[in-house]
Amino acid sequence: MVKIENITKTYGTGSSAFTALRGISIDVEEGEFLALTGESGSGKSTLLSVAGGMNTPCSGIVKINGRDIYALNQEERSVFRNMELGFVFQSFFLVPYLNIEENVMVPLAPLEISGKVKREMTKNALEMVGIYSKRGNLPGEVSGGEMERAAIARALVNSPSLLLADEPTGNLDSKTGRVIMELFSEFNRKGMTIIMVTHSSDCASAAGRVLKMADGLIH
């Protein structure tokens, strides 16, 4: 499903240049749950953002479902991300003045489907993560775990073929983090492909394969 070939990424130029990725190659099979681990600065979050079409590499190729995503122009890549990928981030990125239902519905905004269908898709996503009853609440009115569930629902609302998660339990207590990882494992058992960045060995143990990164390389 995902083919990453000889990816390099350098930030800055000259004496201030920092090479975050040094020729990374990874294949991820359909239905796989892959965890990327490593210390801060190892390159794991950079690799995830490159894999998700959000951070153009200096060299190399990223193919998702056979499509070279960096051969697409910016508009085409944006549409591809919106239709094919789901993103979950440590900081939630929920819009504070939209309720939970409206936040989850955001990725559906550009789709040419009726409001009724969008609401049904949103309902399904919220039920999947167990917070449909919180749909009318603002993000500031729910717990951190519920905000993370809302962020996951938003990532799942368009039924993506690939879920990318960057430290999804980083802002949660250990008990809530375990609940979130149980959700990820359930999604994976149902066939979803997941690539997750984590510094937690407990979270990494939920994955089927774990790759450790250091200094922009896979070890």
C-alpha atoms as a PDB file:
ATOM      1  CA  MET A   1       0.000   0.000   0.000  1.00  0.00           C
ATOM      2  CA  VAL A   2       2.789   2.436   0.909  1.00  0.00           C
ATOM      3  CA  LYS A   3       6.157   2.416  -0.822  1.00  0.00           C
ATOM      4  CA  ILE A   4       8.801   4.823   0.468  1.00  0.00           C
ATOM      5  CA  GLU A   5      11.988   4.800  -1.607  1.00  0.00           C
ATOM      6  CA  ASN A   6      15.279   6.460  -0.663  1.00  0.00           C
ATOM      7  CA  ILE A   7      13.704   9.503   1.003  1.00  0.00           C
ATOM      8  CA  THR A   8      15.988  12.308   2.096  1.00  0.00           C
ATOM      9  CA  LYS A   9      15.004  15.549   3.810  1.00  0.00           C
ATOM     10  CA  THR A  10      17.291  18.417   4.787  1.00  0.00           C
ATOM     11  CA  TYR A  11      16.207  21.634   6.484  1.00  0.00           C
ATOM     12  CA  GLY A  12      18.200  24.830   5.981  1.00  0.00           C
ATOM     13  CA  THR A  13      21.353  25.378   3.951  1.00  0.00           C
ATOM     14  CA  GLY A  14      25.065  25.715   4.474  1.00  0.00           C
ATOM     15  CA  SER A  15      26.448  25.444   7.995  1.00  0.00           C
ATOM     16  CA  SER A  16      22.929  25.570   9.506  1.00  0.00           C
ATOM     17  CA  ALA A  17      21.648  22.625   7.427  1.00  0.00           C
ATOM     18  CA  PHE A  18      20.092  19.724   9.327  1.00  0.00           C
ATOM     19  CA  THR A  19      19.448  16.390   7.621  1.00  0.00           C
ATOM     20  CA  ALA A  20      16.364  14.794   9.153  1.00  0.00           C
ATOM     21  CA  LEU A  21      16.072  11.783   6.814  1.00  0.00           C
ATOM     22  CA  ARG A  22      19.021   9.988   5.236  1.00  0.00           C
ATOM     23  CA  GLY A  23      17.798   7.701   2.457  1.00  0.00           C
ATOM     24  CA  ILE A  24      14.845   5.958   4.132  1.00  0.00           C
ATOM     25  CA  SER A  25      13.105   3.070   2.332  1.00  0.00           C
ATOM     26  CA  ILE A  26      10.077   1.270   3.786  1.00  0.00           C
ATOM     27  CA  ASP A  27       7.266  -0.857   2.364  1.00  0.00           C
ATOM     28  CA  VAL A  28       3.972  -1.017   4.290  1.00  0.00           C
ATOM     29  CA  GLU A  29       1.517  -3.742   3.352  1.00  0.00           C
ATOM     30  CA  GLU A  30      -2.240  -3.266   3.197  1.00  0.00           C
ATOM     31  CA  GLY A  31      -3.747  -3.973   6.609  1.00  0.00           C
ATOM     32  CA  GLU A  32      -0.448  -3.555   8.453  1.00  0.00           C
ATOM     33  CA  PHE A  33      -0.021  -1.654  11.729  1.00  0.00           C
ATOM     34  CA  LEU A  34       3.456  -0.096  11.754  1.00  0.00           C
ATOM     35  CA  ALA A  35       4.956   1.878  14.641  1.00  0.00           C
ATOM     36  CA  LEU A  36       7.886   4.255  14.241  1.00  0.00           C
ATOM     37  CA  THR A  37       9.819   4.819  17.465  1.00  0.00           C
ATOM     38  CA  GLY A  38      12.910   6.767  18.461  1.00  0.00           C
ATOM     39  CA  GLU A  39      14.158   9.707  20.462  1.00  0.00           C
ATOM     40  CA  SER A  40      13.111  13.292  19.724  1.00  0.00           C
ATOM     41  CA  GLY A  41      14.925  14.484  16.615  1.00  0.00           C
ATOM     42  CA  SER A  42      15.330  10.972  15.202  1.00  0.00           C
ATOM     43  CA  GLY A  43      13.254  11.845  12.128  1.00  0.00           C
ATOM     44  CA  LYS A  44      10.123   9.817  12.818  1.00  0.00           C
ATOM     45  CA  SER A  45       7.632  12.710  12.664  1.00  0.00           C
ATOM     46  CA  THR A  46       9.344  14.099   9.562  1.00  0.00           C
ATOM     47  CA  LEU A  47       9.024  10.692   7.915  1.00  0.00           C
ATOM     48  CA  LEU A  48       5.325  10.519   8.808  1.00  0.00           C
ATOM     49  CA  SER A  49       4.669  13.982   7.351  1.00  0.00           C
ATOM     50  CA  VAL A  50       6.531  13.047   4.162  1.00  0.00           C
ATOM     51  CA  ALA A  51       4.553   9.799   3.922  1.00  0.00           C
ATOM     52  CA  GLY A  52       1.326  11.790   4.289  1.00  0.00           C
ATOM     53  CA  GLY A  53       2.073  14.214   1.481  1.00  0.00           C
ATOM     54  CA  MET A  54       2.509  17.182   3.820  1.00  0.00           C
ATOM     55  CA  ASN A  55       6.279  17.666   3.624  1.00  0.00           C
ATOM     56  CA  THR A  56       8.012  17.482   0.244  1.00  0.00           C
ATOM     57  CA  PRO A  57      11.248  15.448   0.461  1.00  0.00           C
ATOM     58  CA  CYS A  58      14.531  16.586  -1.069  1.00  0.00           C
ATOM     59  CA  SER A  59      14.763  13.313  -2.978  1.00  0.00           C
ATOM     60  CA  GLY A  60      13.059   9.956  -3.208  1.00  0.00           C
ATOM     61  CA  ILE A  61       9.575   8.664  -4.013  1.00  0.00           C
ATOM     62  CA  VAL A  62       6.443   8.052  -1.942  1.00  0.00           C
ATOM     63  CA  LYS A  63       3.736   5.896  -3.515  1.00  0.00           C
ATOM     64  CA  ILE A  64       0.371   5.241  -1.870  1.00  0.00           C
ATOM     65  CA  ASN A  65      -1.894   2.737  -3.575  1.00  0.00           C
ATOM     66  CA  GLY A  66       0.424   2.982  -6.578  1.00  0.00           C
ATOM     67  CA  ARG A  67       0.259   6.776  -6.914  1.00  0.00           C
ATOM     68  CA  ASP A  68       3.414   8.858  -6.688  1.00  0.00           C
ATOM     69  CA  ILE A  69       2.025  11.557  -4.402  1.00  0.00           C
ATOM     70  CA  TYR A  70       4.817  14.062  -5.020  1.00  0.00           C
ATOM     71  CA  ALA A  71       4.271  13.826  -8.773  1.00  0.00           C
ATOM     72  CA  LEU A  72       0.870  15.441  -8.104  1.00  0.00           C
ATOM     73  CA  ASN A  73       0.516  19.220  -8.012  1.00  0.00           C
ATOM     74  CA  GLN A  74      -0.442  20.847  -4.708  1.00  0.00           C
ATOM     75  CA  GLU A  75      -4.172  20.901  -5.436  1.00  0.00           C
ATOM     76  CA  GLU A  76      -4.207  17.270  -6.602  1.00  0.00           C
ATOM     77  CA  ARG A  77      -2.196  16.214  -3.561  1.00  0.00           C
ATOM     78  CA  SER A  78      -4.587  18.069  -1.250  1.00  0.00           C
ATOM     79  CA  VAL A  79      -7.563  16.268  -2.783  1.00  0.00           C
ATOM     80  CA  PHE A  80      -5.716  12.948  -2.508  1.00  0.00           C
ATOM     81  CA  ARG A  81      -4.957  13.525   1.173  1.00  0.00           C
ATOM     82  CA  ASN A  82      -8.549  14.475   1.889  1.00  0.00           C
ATOM     83  CA  MET A  83      -9.981  11.431   0.110  1.00  0.00           C
ATOM     84  CA  GLU A  84      -7.450   8.699   0.913  1.00  0.00           C
ATOM     85  CA  LEU A  85      -5.699   9.572   4.177  1.00  0.00           C
ATOM     86  CA  GLY A  86      -6.666  10.161   7.779  1.00  0.00           C
ATOM     87  CA  PHE A  87      -4.452  12.141  10.173  1.00  0.00           C
ATOM     88  CA  VAL A  88      -4.371  12.083  13.982  1.00  0.00           C
ATOM     89  CA  PHE A  89      -2.073  14.492  15.823  1.00  0.00           C
ATOM     90  CA  GLN A  90      -0.943  14.819  19.439  1.00  0.00           C
ATOM     91  CA  SER A  91      -2.413  18.314  19.781  1.00  0.00           C
ATOM     92  CA  PHE A  92      -5.915  17.393  18.504  1.00  0.00           C
ATOM     93  CA  PHE A  93      -6.250  20.563  16.336  1.00  0.00           C
ATOM     94  CA  LEU A  94      -9.966  20.845  17.005  1.00  0.00           C
ATOM     95  CA  VAL A  95     -11.597  24.186  16.137  1.00  0.00           C
ATOM     96  CA  PRO A  96     -12.598  25.611  19.557  1.00  0.00           C
ATOM     97  CA  TYR A  97     -15.770  27.393  18.386  1.00  0.00           C
ATOM     98  CA  LEU A  98     -17.168  24.360  16.509  1.00  0.00           C
ATOM     99  CA  ASN A  99     -18.916  21.584  18.394  1.00  0.00           C
ATOM    100  CA  ILE A 100     -17.637  18.007  18.216  1.00  0.00           C
ATOM    101  CA  GLU A 101     -19.973  17.052  15.373  1.00  0.00           C
ATOM    102  CA  GLU A 102     -18.959  20.099  13.320  1.00  0.00           C
ATOM    103  CA  ASN A 103     -15.254  19.413  13.931  1.00  0.00           C
ATOM    104  CA  VAL A 104     -15.570  15.844  12.712  1.00  0.00           C
ATOM    105  CA  MET A 105     -17.469  17.037   9.649  1.00  0.00           C
ATOM    106  CA  VAL A 106     -14.698  19.441   8.536  1.00  0.00           C
ATOM    107  CA  PRO A 107     -12.954  17.019   6.088  1.00  0.00           C
ATOM    108  CA  LEU A 108     -16.281  16.468   4.327  1.00  0.00           C
ATOM    109  CA  ALA A 109     -16.756  20.165   3.508  1.00  0.00           C
ATOM    110  CA  PRO A 110     -15.277  20.011  -0.045  1.00  0.00           C
ATOM    111  CA  LEU A 111     -17.184  16.854  -0.994  1.00  0.00           C
ATOM    112  CA  GLU A 112     -20.158  17.264  -3.324  1.00  0.00           C
ATOM    113  CA  ILE A 113     -22.593  15.261  -1.229  1.00  0.00           C
ATOM    114  CA  SER A 114     -25.714  16.300   0.648  1.00  0.00           C
ATOM    115  CA  GLY A 115     -25.688  17.604   4.193  1.00  0.00           C
ATOM    116  CA  LYS A 116     -27.781  14.609   5.224  1.00  0.00           C
ATOM    117  CA  VAL A 117     -25.134  12.178   3.963  1.00  0.00           C
ATOM    118  CA  LYS A 118     -22.372  14.177   5.669  1.00  0.00           C
ATOM    119  CA  ARG A 119     -24.254  14.060   8.972  1.00  0.00           C
ATOM    120  CA  GLU A 120     -24.747  10.300   8.619  1.00  0.00           C
ATOM    121  CA  MET A 121     -21.030   9.786   7.908  1.00  0.00           C
ATOM    122  CA  THR A 122     -20.187  11.949  10.917  1.00  0.00           C
ATOM    123  CA  LYS A 123     -22.590  10.003  13.122  1.00  0.00           C
ATOM    124  CA  ASN A 124     -20.982   6.720  12.075  1.00  0.00           C
ATOM    125  CA  ALA A 125     -17.494   8.037  12.876  1.00  0.00           C
ATOM    126  CA  LEU A 126     -18.543   9.364  16.285  1.00  0.00           C
ATOM    127  CA  GLU A 127     -20.276   6.098  17.147  1.00  0.00           C
ATOM    128  CA  MET A 128     -17.151   4.215  16.097  1.00  0.00           C
ATOM    129  CA  VAL A 129     -15.114   6.020  18.749  1.00  0.00           C
ATOM    130  CA  GLY A 130     -17.901   6.061  21.334  1.00  0.00           C
ATOM    131  CA  ILE A 131     -18.644   9.779  21.734  1.00  0.00           C
ATOM    132  CA  TYR A 132     -21.779  10.371  19.677  1.00  0.00           C
ATOM    133  CA  SER A 133     -23.488  11.605  22.854  1.00  0.00           C
ATOM    134  CA  LYS A 134     -20.920  14.446  23.011  1.00  0.00           C
ATOM    135  CA  ARG A 135     -21.641  15.684  19.475  1.00  0.00           C
ATOM    136  CA  GLY A 136     -23.161  18.973  20.639  1.00  0.00           C
ATOM    137  CA  ASN A 137     -20.345  19.877  23.047  1.00  0.00           C
ATOM    138  CA  LEU A 138     -17.531  22.295  22.287  1.00  0.00           C
ATOM    139  CA  PRO A 139     -13.979  20.887  22.579  1.00  0.00           C
ATOM    140  CA  GLY A 140     -13.438  22.860  25.795  1.00  0.00           C
ATOM    141  CA  GLU A 141     -16.395  21.078  27.379  1.00  0.00           C
ATOM    142  CA  VAL A 142     -15.048  17.524  27.047  1.00  0.00           C
ATOM    143  CA  SER A 143     -12.055  15.634  28.470  1.00  0.00           C
ATOM    144  CA  GLY A 144      -8.679  15.203  26.778  1.00  0.00           C
ATOM    145  CA  GLY A 145      -9.521  11.593  25.947  1.00  0.00           C
ATOM    146  CA  GLU A 146     -12.794  12.672  24.360  1.00  0.00           C
ATOM    147  CA  MET A 147     -10.995  15.350  22.339  1.00  0.00           C
ATOM    148  CA  GLU A 148      -8.601  12.684  21.069  1.00  0.00           C
ATOM    149  CA  ARG A 149     -11.553  10.454  20.162  1.00  0.00           C
ATOM    150  CA  ALA A 150     -13.061  13.388  18.268  1.00  0.00           C
ATOM    151  CA  ALA A 151      -9.768  13.871  16.421  1.00  0.00           C
ATOM    152  CA  ILE A 152      -9.743  10.167  15.540  1.00  0.00           C
ATOM    153  CA  ALA A 153     -13.368  10.360  14.366  1.00  0.00           C
ATOM    154  CA  ARG A 154     -12.431  13.308  12.151  1.00  0.00           C
ATOM    155  CA  ALA A 155      -9.596  11.216  10.692  1.00  0.00           C
ATOM    156  CA  LEU A 156     -11.950   8.308  10.014  1.00  0.00           C
ATOM    157  CA  VAL A 157     -14.994  10.193   8.733  1.00  0.00           C
ATOM    158  CA  ASN A 158     -13.990   9.879   5.058  1.00  0.00           C
ATOM    159  CA  SER A 159     -13.192   6.136   5.414  1.00  0.00           C
ATOM    160  CA  PRO A 160      -9.486   6.537   4.564  1.00  0.00           C
ATOM    161  CA  SER A 161      -7.412   3.652   3.267  1.00  0.00           C
ATOM    162  CA  LEU A 162      -4.462   4.767   5.426  1.00  0.00           C
ATOM    163  CA  LEU A 163      -4.415   6.246   8.946  1.00  0.00           C
ATOM    164  CA  LEU A 164      -1.359   8.278  10.003  1.00  0.00           C
ATOM    165  CA  ALA A 165      -0.985   9.061  13.700  1.00  0.00           C
ATOM    166  CA  ASP A 166       1.694  11.245  15.311  1.00  0.00           C
ATOM    167  CA  GLU A 167       1.996  10.626  19.073  1.00  0.00           C
ATOM    168  CA  PRO A 168      -1.779  10.066  19.414  1.00  0.00           C
ATOM    169  CA  THR A 169      -1.544   9.451  23.172  1.00  0.00           C
ATOM    170  CA  GLY A 170       1.139  12.047  23.950  1.00  0.00           C
ATOM    171  CA  ASN A 171      -1.218  14.413  25.805  1.00  0.00           C
ATOM    172  CA  LEU A 172      -3.212  11.718  27.585  1.00  0.00           C
ATOM    173  CA  ASP A 173      -2.858   9.887  30.894  1.00  0.00           C
ATOM    174  CA  SER A 174      -1.767   6.249  30.693  1.00  0.00           C
ATOM    175  CA  LYS A 175      -5.255   4.795  31.247  1.00  0.00           C
ATOM    176  CA  THR A 176      -6.844   6.920  28.508  1.00  0.00           C
ATOM    177  CA  GLY A 177      -3.867   6.194  26.265  1.00  0.00           C
ATOM    178  CA  ARG A 178      -4.493   2.463  26.574  1.00  0.00           C
ATOM    179  CA  VAL A 179      -8.144   2.965  25.603  1.00  0.00           C
ATOM    180  CA  ILE A 180      -7.078   4.908  22.495  1.00  0.00           C
ATOM    181  CA  MET A 181      -4.608   2.171  21.532  1.00  0.00           C
ATOM    182  CA  GLU A 182      -7.348  -0.436  21.933  1.00  0.00           C
ATOM    183  CA  LEU A 183      -9.361   1.587  19.399  1.00  0.00           C
ATOM    184  CA  PHE A 184      -6.412   1.599  16.986  1.00  0.00           C
ATOM    185  CA  SER A 185      -6.000  -2.164  17.380  1.00  0.00           C
ATOM    186  CA  GLU A 186      -9.704  -2.647  16.681  1.00  0.00           C
ATOM    187  CA  PHE A 187      -9.500  -0.528  13.515  1.00  0.00           C
ATOM    188  CA  ASN A 188      -6.479  -2.551  12.400  1.00  0.00           C
ATOM    189  CA  ARG A 189      -8.240  -5.863  13.025  1.00  0.00           C
ATOM    190  CA  LYS A 190     -10.984  -4.610  10.714  1.00  0.00           C
ATOM    191  CA  GLY A 191      -8.399  -4.109   7.967  1.00  0.00           C
ATOM    192  CA  MET A 192      -7.237  -0.499   8.325  1.00  0.00           C
ATOM    193  CA  THR A 193      -3.598   0.249   7.517  1.00  0.00           C
ATOM    194  CA  ILE A 194      -1.959   2.369  10.225  1.00  0.00           C
ATOM    195  CA  ILE A 195       1.406   4.109  10.526  1.00  0.00           C
ATOM    196  CA  MET A 196       1.948   5.534  13.994  1.00  0.00           C
ATOM    197  CA  VAL A 197       4.760   7.590  15.494  1.00  0.00           C
ATOM    198  CA  THR A 198       5.239   7.050  19.217  1.00  0.00           C
ATOM    199  CA  HIS A 199       7.905   7.325  21.895  1.00  0.00           C
ATOM    200  CA  SER A 200       5.925   4.938  24.133  1.00  0.00           C
ATOM    201  CA  SER A 201       6.962   1.285  24.201  1.00  0.00           C
ATOM    202  CA  ASP A 202       3.482   0.402  25.492  1.00  0.00           C
ATOM    203  CA  CYS A 203       1.850   2.024  22.463  1.00  0.00           C
ATOM    204  CA  ALA A 204       4.389   0.481  20.092  1.00  0.00           C
ATOM    205  CA  SER A 205       3.559  -2.981  21.448  1.00  0.00           C
ATOM    206  CA  ALA A 206       0.081  -2.667  19.891  1.00  0.00           C
ATOM    207  CA  ALA A 207       1.611  -2.579  16.404  1.00  0.00           C
ATOM    208  CA  GLY A 208       2.392  -5.598  14.280  1.00  0.00           C
ATOM    209  CA  ARG A 209       5.817  -4.218  13.319  1.00  0.00           C
ATOM    210  CA  VAL A 210       8.046  -1.683  15.036  1.00  0.00           C
ATOM    211  CA  LEU A 211      10.871   0.271  13.387  1.00  0.00           C
ATOM    212  CA  LYS A 212      13.292   2.259  15.509  1.00  0.00           C
ATOM    213  CA  MET A 213      14.744   5.469  14.085  1.00  0.00           C
ATOM    214  CA  ALA A 214      17.880   7.349  15.068  1.00  0.00           C
ATOM    215  CA  ASP A 215      19.719  10.173  13.282  1.00  0.00           C
ATOM    216  CA  GLY A 216      17.416  10.012  10.267  1.00  0.00           C
ATOM    217  CA  LEU A 217      17.953   6.290   9.687  1.00  0.00           C
ATOM    218  CA  ILE A 218      16.088   3.060  10.397  1.00  0.00           C
ATOM    219  CA  HIS A 219      17.968   0.915  12.940  1.00  0.00           C
END
